[in-house]
Amino acid sequence: MFPSLKTGSLLQGQHTPVGPQKALVLLDKAGQKIIYKTFTAGEVMPTHHASVDVLVVVLAGRLIITQESSPVEVTTDDYVVIANGAPHSLHCLEDARILIYR
């Protein structure tokens, strides 16, 4: 027997909206996660690192993601791949929603 199908809308789709969340793990299988996060303008995520490569997809908003000392501005529909172990941080320029695959 399979678990019931999970559905939802991260933006404004036809399914039940997920709504504002700071962090919501959408999928966690064998240590790999897909995480939905929201940020408000001015919010920061201090420098940290992950033990795996990380893919960040910007669903809405505008942020600066810095890897080591190289900042890059990203907006809706952009993505960033952060290398395993690389120190990185985030500064939110306007309210944003992102998906993190790690």
N, C-alpha and C. Protein backbone atom coordinates (compact mmCIF):
# COMPACT_ATOMS: atom_id res chain seq x y z
N MET A 1 0.84 -1.17 0.00
CA MET A 1 0.00 0.00 0.00
C MET A 1 0.89 1.24 0.00
N PHE A 2 0.57 2.17 -0.85
CA PHE A 2 1.32 3.42 -0.97
C PHE A 2 0.71 4.50 -0.06
N PRO A 3 1.55 5.41 0.44
CA PRO A 3 0.97 6.53 1.20
C PRO A 3 0.15 7.41 0.27
N SER A 4 -0.75 8.19 0.84
CA SER A 4 -1.59 9.06 0.01
C SER A 4 -0.74 10.10 -0.70
N LEU A 5 -1.22 10.53 -1.85
CA LEU A 5 -0.54 11.53 -2.66
C LEU A 5 -0.54 12.86 -1.95
N LYS A 6 0.63 13.52 -1.89
CA LYS A 6 0.72 14.85 -1.28
C LYS A 6 0.69 15.89 -2.38
N THR A 7 -0.11 16.93 -2.21
CA THR A 7 -0.15 18.03 -3.17
C THR A 7 -0.19 19.34 -2.41
N GLY A 8 0.14 20.41 -3.10
CA GLY A 8 0.09 21.73 -2.49
C GLY A 8 0.58 22.75 -3.49
N SER A 9 0.38 24.00 -3.19
CA SER A 9 0.85 25.08 -4.05
C SER A 9 1.85 25.93 -3.28
N LEU A 10 3.04 26.13 -3.86
CA LEU A 10 4.07 26.95 -3.24
C LEU A 10 3.89 28.41 -3.61
N LEU A 11 3.20 28.67 -4.70
CA LEU A 11 2.93 30.04 -5.11
C LEU A 11 1.42 30.22 -5.14
N GLN A 12 0.80 30.25 -6.32
CA GLN A 12 -0.65 30.42 -6.38
C GLN A 12 -1.23 29.46 -7.41
N GLY A 13 -1.07 28.20 -7.17
CA GLY A 13 -1.59 27.19 -8.08
C GLY A 13 -3.00 26.77 -7.70
N GLN A 14 -3.43 25.66 -8.27
CA GLN A 14 -4.80 25.20 -8.05
C GLN A 14 -4.95 24.37 -6.78
N HIS A 15 -3.84 23.93 -6.17
CA HIS A 15 -3.92 23.10 -4.97
C HIS A 15 -3.89 23.97 -3.72
N THR A 16 -4.12 23.35 -2.58
CA THR A 16 -4.10 24.06 -1.31
C THR A 16 -2.78 24.79 -1.13
N PRO A 17 -2.81 26.10 -0.84
CA PRO A 17 -1.56 26.82 -0.68
C PRO A 17 -0.80 26.37 0.56
N VAL A 18 0.51 26.27 0.42
CA VAL A 18 1.36 25.95 1.55
C VAL A 18 1.36 27.11 2.52
N GLY A 19 1.26 28.33 1.98
CA GLY A 19 1.21 29.53 2.82
C GLY A 19 2.59 29.93 3.31
N PRO A 20 2.67 31.06 3.97
CA PRO A 20 3.97 31.53 4.46
C PRO A 20 4.55 30.53 5.47
N GLN A 21 5.75 30.16 5.25
CA GLN A 21 6.47 29.24 6.13
C GLN A 21 7.90 29.72 6.22
N LYS A 22 8.53 29.57 7.33
CA LYS A 22 9.97 29.85 7.39
C LYS A 22 10.71 28.70 6.71
N ALA A 23 10.36 27.48 7.05
CA ALA A 23 10.98 26.31 6.43
C ALA A 23 10.02 25.14 6.51
N LEU A 24 9.90 24.43 5.41
CA LEU A 24 9.03 23.28 5.35
C LEU A 24 9.74 22.20 4.53
N VAL A 25 10.00 21.04 5.11
CA VAL A 25 10.63 19.94 4.39
C VAL A 25 9.53 19.25 3.58
N LEU A 26 9.64 19.35 2.26
CA LEU A 26 8.64 18.74 1.38
C LEU A 26 8.92 17.27 1.15
N LEU A 27 10.21 16.90 1.14
CA LEU A 27 10.60 15.51 0.88
C LEU A 27 11.89 15.23 1.62
N ASP A 28 11.96 14.09 2.29
CA ASP A 28 13.18 13.68 3.00
C ASP A 28 13.34 12.18 2.77
N LYS A 29 14.21 11.83 1.85
CA LYS A 29 14.43 10.43 1.48
C LYS A 29 15.92 10.12 1.50
N ALA A 30 16.31 9.15 2.29
CA ALA A 30 17.69 8.68 2.36
C ALA A 30 18.67 9.83 2.55
N GLY A 31 18.31 10.79 3.38
CA GLY A 31 19.21 11.91 3.67
C GLY A 31 19.17 13.04 2.67
N GLN A 32 18.48 12.88 1.56
CA GLN A 32 18.33 13.95 0.59
C GLN A 32 17.02 14.68 0.90
N LYS A 33 17.08 16.02 0.85
CA LYS A 33 15.91 16.80 1.21
C LYS A 33 15.57 17.84 0.15
N ILE A 34 14.28 18.13 0.06
CA ILE A 34 13.79 19.29 -0.68
C ILE A 34 13.09 20.15 0.36
N ILE A 35 13.59 21.38 0.51
CA ILE A 35 13.10 22.28 1.56
C ILE A 35 12.56 23.55 0.92
N TYR A 36 11.38 23.96 1.35
CA TYR A 36 10.76 25.21 0.93
C TYR A 36 11.01 26.22 2.04
N LYS A 37 11.60 27.38 1.70
CA LYS A 37 11.88 28.40 2.71
C LYS A 37 11.37 29.75 2.24
N THR A 38 10.94 30.55 3.20
CA THR A 38 10.53 31.92 2.90
C THR A 38 11.41 32.87 3.70
N PHE A 39 11.62 34.05 3.11
CA PHE A 39 12.41 35.09 3.75
C PHE A 39 11.70 36.42 3.57
N THR A 40 11.85 37.31 4.52
CA THR A 40 11.35 38.66 4.38
C THR A 40 12.50 39.58 4.03
N ALA A 41 12.19 40.69 3.40
CA ALA A 41 13.22 41.65 3.00
C ALA A 41 14.09 42.01 4.22
N GLY A 42 15.39 42.01 4.02
CA GLY A 42 16.34 42.34 5.08
C GLY A 42 16.82 41.15 5.89
N GLU A 43 16.14 40.02 5.77
CA GLU A 43 16.53 38.83 6.52
C GLU A 43 17.84 38.26 5.96
N VAL A 44 18.65 37.67 6.82
CA VAL A 44 19.92 37.07 6.39
C VAL A 44 20.02 35.64 6.92
N MET A 45 20.78 34.85 6.19
CA MET A 45 21.18 33.53 6.65
C MET A 45 22.70 33.61 6.76
N PRO A 46 23.26 33.53 7.97
CA PRO A 46 24.69 33.72 8.13
C PRO A 46 25.50 32.63 7.41
N THR A 47 26.78 32.88 7.27
CA THR A 47 27.67 31.95 6.58
C THR A 47 27.62 30.58 7.24
N HIS A 48 27.47 29.57 6.40
CA HIS A 48 27.43 28.18 6.83
C HIS A 48 27.89 27.33 5.66
N HIS A 49 27.92 26.02 5.82
CA HIS A 49 28.28 25.13 4.72
C HIS A 49 27.47 23.84 4.83
N ALA A 50 27.41 23.11 3.74
CA ALA A 50 26.70 21.83 3.70
C ALA A 50 27.68 20.74 3.26
N SER A 51 27.43 19.53 3.69
CA SER A 51 28.32 18.42 3.36
C SER A 51 27.99 17.78 2.01
N VAL A 52 27.07 18.41 1.26
CA VAL A 52 26.69 17.94 -0.08
C VAL A 52 26.54 19.16 -0.98
N ASP A 53 26.50 18.94 -2.30
CA ASP A 53 26.17 20.03 -3.22
C ASP A 53 24.73 20.47 -2.92
N VAL A 54 24.47 21.76 -3.10
CA VAL A 54 23.15 22.31 -2.81
C VAL A 54 22.66 23.07 -4.04
N LEU A 55 21.42 22.81 -4.43
CA LEU A 55 20.77 23.55 -5.52
C LEU A 55 19.71 24.44 -4.89
N VAL A 56 19.77 25.75 -5.17
CA VAL A 56 18.77 26.70 -4.69
C VAL A 56 18.02 27.22 -5.90
N VAL A 57 16.68 27.12 -5.87
CA VAL A 57 15.84 27.64 -6.94
C VAL A 57 14.98 28.76 -6.35
N VAL A 58 15.03 29.94 -6.98
CA VAL A 58 14.26 31.08 -6.50
C VAL A 58 12.87 31.04 -7.15
N LEU A 59 11.85 30.85 -6.32
CA LEU A 59 10.47 30.82 -6.82
C LEU A 59 9.91 32.23 -6.95
N ALA A 60 10.30 33.10 -6.03
CA ALA A 60 9.82 34.48 -6.04
C ALA A 60 10.78 35.32 -5.21
N GLY A 61 10.95 36.58 -5.60
CA GLY A 61 11.75 37.50 -4.81
C GLY A 61 13.12 37.80 -5.37
N ARG A 62 13.94 38.42 -4.53
CA ARG A 62 15.28 38.84 -4.93
C ARG A 62 16.21 38.70 -3.73
N LEU A 63 17.35 38.02 -3.96
CA LEU A 63 18.30 37.74 -2.89
C LEU A 63 19.74 37.91 -3.40
N ILE A 64 20.65 38.02 -2.46
CA ILE A 64 22.07 37.92 -2.78
C ILE A 64 22.58 36.67 -2.08
N ILE A 65 23.14 35.76 -2.86
CA ILE A 65 23.75 34.56 -2.30
C ILE A 65 25.25 34.71 -2.52
N THR A 66 26.00 34.56 -1.44
CA THR A 66 27.45 34.71 -1.49
C THR A 66 28.09 33.37 -1.22
N GLN A 67 28.97 32.93 -2.15
CA GLN A 67 29.77 31.73 -1.92
C GLN A 67 31.20 32.21 -1.79
N GLU A 68 31.83 31.84 -0.68
CA GLU A 68 33.14 32.36 -0.31
C GLU A 68 33.03 33.88 -0.34
N SER A 69 33.74 34.60 -1.16
CA SER A 69 33.60 36.07 -1.15
C SER A 69 32.98 36.59 -2.44
N SER A 70 32.23 35.74 -3.15
CA SER A 70 31.65 36.13 -4.43
C SER A 70 30.13 36.21 -4.35
N PRO A 71 29.58 37.45 -4.19
CA PRO A 71 28.12 37.59 -4.14
C PRO A 71 27.51 37.55 -5.54
N VAL A 72 26.31 36.99 -5.62
CA VAL A 72 25.57 37.00 -6.87
C VAL A 72 24.11 37.31 -6.54
N GLU A 73 23.52 38.23 -7.31
CA GLU A 73 22.10 38.55 -7.10
C GLU A 73 21.26 37.60 -7.92
N VAL A 74 20.24 37.04 -7.30
CA VAL A 74 19.34 36.11 -7.98
C VAL A 74 17.90 36.59 -7.78
N THR A 75 17.07 36.31 -8.79
CA THR A 75 15.67 36.71 -8.74
C THR A 75 14.80 35.54 -9.18
N THR A 76 13.51 35.76 -9.23
CA THR A 76 12.54 34.74 -9.61
C THR A 76 13.00 33.97 -10.85
N ASP A 77 12.93 32.65 -10.78
CA ASP A 77 13.29 31.70 -11.83
C ASP A 77 14.79 31.44 -11.95
N ASP A 78 15.64 32.10 -11.16
CA ASP A 78 17.08 31.82 -11.17
C ASP A 78 17.38 30.61 -10.28
N TYR A 79 18.56 30.04 -10.50
CA TYR A 79 19.03 28.97 -9.61
C TYR A 79 20.51 29.16 -9.36
N VAL A 80 20.98 28.56 -8.28
CA VAL A 80 22.39 28.61 -7.89
C VAL A 80 22.78 27.22 -7.42
N VAL A 81 23.97 26.75 -7.83
CA VAL A 81 24.51 25.49 -7.33
C VAL A 81 25.70 25.84 -6.44
N ILE A 82 25.64 25.39 -5.20
CA ILE A 82 26.70 25.66 -4.22
C ILE A 82 27.45 24.35 -3.99
N ALA A 83 28.75 24.43 -4.15
CA ALA A 83 29.59 23.23 -4.05
C ALA A 83 29.65 22.69 -2.62
N ASN A 84 29.77 21.39 -2.53
CA ASN A 84 29.93 20.67 -1.28
C ASN A 84 31.01 21.34 -0.43
N GLY A 85 30.67 21.73 0.79
CA GLY A 85 31.64 22.29 1.72
C GLY A 85 31.93 23.77 1.57
N ALA A 86 31.44 24.40 0.50
CA ALA A 86 31.75 25.82 0.26
C ALA A 86 30.99 26.70 1.26
N PRO A 87 31.69 27.62 1.92
CA PRO A 87 30.98 28.54 2.81
C PRO A 87 30.09 29.47 1.99
N HIS A 88 28.85 29.65 2.45
CA HIS A 88 27.91 30.49 1.72
C HIS A 88 26.94 31.16 2.69
N SER A 89 26.35 32.27 2.23
CA SER A 89 25.39 33.02 3.04
C SER A 89 24.34 33.59 2.11
N LEU A 90 23.29 34.16 2.71
CA LEU A 90 22.17 34.70 1.93
C LEU A 90 21.71 36.00 2.58
N HIS A 91 21.41 36.97 1.73
CA HIS A 91 20.82 38.23 2.19
C HIS A 91 19.60 38.49 1.31
N CYS A 92 18.44 38.63 1.93
CA CYS A 92 17.20 38.81 1.19
C CYS A 92 16.95 40.29 0.92
N LEU A 93 16.83 40.67 -0.36
CA LEU A 93 16.60 42.05 -0.75
C LEU A 93 15.12 42.41 -0.79
N GLU A 94 14.28 41.43 -1.11
CA GLU A 94 12.82 41.61 -1.05
C GLU A 94 12.22 40.26 -0.68
N ASP A 95 11.01 40.26 -0.17
CA ASP A 95 10.39 39.01 0.25
C ASP A 95 10.63 37.93 -0.80
N ALA A 96 10.99 36.73 -0.34
CA ALA A 96 11.39 35.68 -1.27
C ALA A 96 10.91 34.31 -0.82
N ARG A 97 10.77 33.42 -1.80
CA ARG A 97 10.46 32.00 -1.58
C ARG A 97 11.46 31.19 -2.39
N ILE A 98 12.07 30.22 -1.76
CA ILE A 98 13.06 29.39 -2.46
C ILE A 98 12.83 27.92 -2.19
N LEU A 99 13.35 27.09 -3.09
CA LEU A 99 13.44 25.66 -2.87
C LEU A 99 14.91 25.31 -2.75
N ILE A 100 15.23 24.48 -1.77
CA ILE A 100 16.60 24.03 -1.58
C ILE A 100 16.61 22.52 -1.77
N TYR A 101 17.47 22.04 -2.66
CA TYR A 101 17.65 20.60 -2.89
C TYR A 101 19.04 20.25 -2.35
N ARG A 102 19.08 19.37 -1.34
CA ARG A 102 20.39 18.96 -0.81
C ARG A 102 20.34 17.53 -0.34
